[in-house]
Amino acid sequence: MSYAAFNAHGLTGVTVKVADQVSCRTVEDAITAYAAQYGTAPTRVAELRPYLRGDVSAYRIVGGRAAGPGC
């Protein structure tokens, strides 16, 4: 048995931290949603705020595509 299985507080903390992080795929999906709504690709990640939750500070938009961790 793993101690982690009995440490629910520890597991919850890790789960929340991971859930708060945005993935490259999430940013790409937000870019697609933005483009569908406005007919043009966004130029700044700040334009994607209505489509994302979490920390997007590690990402930027280059040539209409997401650039950052995992991209």
Protein backbone atom coordinates (compact mmCIF):
# COMPACT_ATOMS: atom_id res chain seq x y z
CA MET A 1 0.00 0.00 0.00
CA SER A 2 1.12 3.49 -0.74
CA TYR A 3 1.10 6.16 1.93
CA ALA A 4 -0.36 8.52 -0.70
CA ALA A 5 -3.55 6.49 -0.66
CA PHE A 6 -4.04 7.52 2.97
CA ASN A 7 -2.92 11.11 2.55
CA ALA A 8 -6.08 12.58 1.02
CA HIS A 9 -5.03 16.18 1.77
CA GLY A 10 -1.75 15.66 -0.08
CA LEU A 11 -3.51 14.18 -3.10
CA THR A 12 -6.08 16.97 -3.19
CA GLY A 13 -3.34 19.61 -3.19
CA VAL A 14 -1.60 18.00 -6.16
CA THR A 15 -4.89 17.55 -8.01
CA VAL A 16 -5.86 21.19 -7.58
CA LYS A 17 -2.41 22.37 -8.69
CA VAL A 18 -2.58 20.27 -11.87
CA ALA A 19 -6.17 21.32 -12.56
CA ASP A 20 -5.16 24.99 -12.35
CA GLN A 21 -2.55 24.53 -15.07
CA VAL A 22 -3.55 25.02 -18.67
CA SER A 23 -2.31 22.64 -21.35
CA CYS A 24 -1.21 23.43 -24.88
CA ARG A 25 -4.30 21.61 -26.15
CA THR A 26 -6.53 23.85 -24.02
CA VAL A 27 -4.90 26.98 -25.44
CA GLU A 28 -5.26 25.61 -28.99
CA ASP A 29 -8.97 24.93 -28.33
CA ALA A 30 -9.39 28.48 -27.02
CA ILE A 31 -7.71 29.87 -30.15
CA THR A 32 -10.12 27.85 -32.30
CA ALA A 33 -13.14 29.09 -30.31
CA TYR A 34 -11.93 32.69 -30.57
CA ALA A 35 -11.38 32.36 -34.33
CA ALA A 36 -14.83 30.84 -34.78
CA GLN A 37 -16.43 33.73 -32.91
CA TYR A 38 -14.45 36.62 -34.39
CA GLY A 39 -13.37 35.27 -37.78
CA THR A 40 -9.68 35.88 -37.10
CA ALA A 41 -7.01 34.32 -34.90
CA PRO A 42 -6.12 36.10 -31.65
CA THR A 43 -2.73 37.76 -31.38
CA ARG A 44 -2.41 37.82 -27.59
CA VAL A 45 -3.16 35.21 -24.94
CA ALA A 46 -5.04 37.90 -23.01
CA GLU A 47 -7.72 37.76 -25.71
CA LEU A 48 -8.39 34.15 -24.72
CA ARG A 49 -9.29 34.86 -21.07
CA PRO A 50 -13.04 34.27 -21.63
CA TYR A 51 -12.24 30.81 -23.03
CA LEU A 52 -9.72 29.65 -20.39
CA ARG A 53 -9.48 29.07 -16.68
CA GLY A 54 -6.13 28.73 -14.98
CA ASP A 55 -2.64 30.05 -15.39
CA VAL A 56 -1.77 30.86 -19.01
CA SER A 57 1.36 32.87 -18.26
CA ALA A 58 3.63 30.20 -19.81
CA TYR A 59 1.92 30.48 -23.21
CA ARG A 60 1.98 32.91 -26.09
CA ILE A 61 0.51 32.96 -29.57
CA VAL A 62 2.87 32.67 -32.53
CA GLY A 63 1.46 32.65 -36.03
CA GLY A 64 -2.04 31.93 -34.77
CA ARG A 65 -0.90 28.85 -32.82
CA ALA A 66 -0.15 28.23 -29.16
CA ALA A 67 3.49 28.26 -28.10
CA GLY A 68 4.62 27.09 -24.69
CA PRO A 69 4.97 23.96 -22.57
CA GLY A 70 3.88 20.83 -24.42
CA CYS A 71 3.36 22.57 -27.75
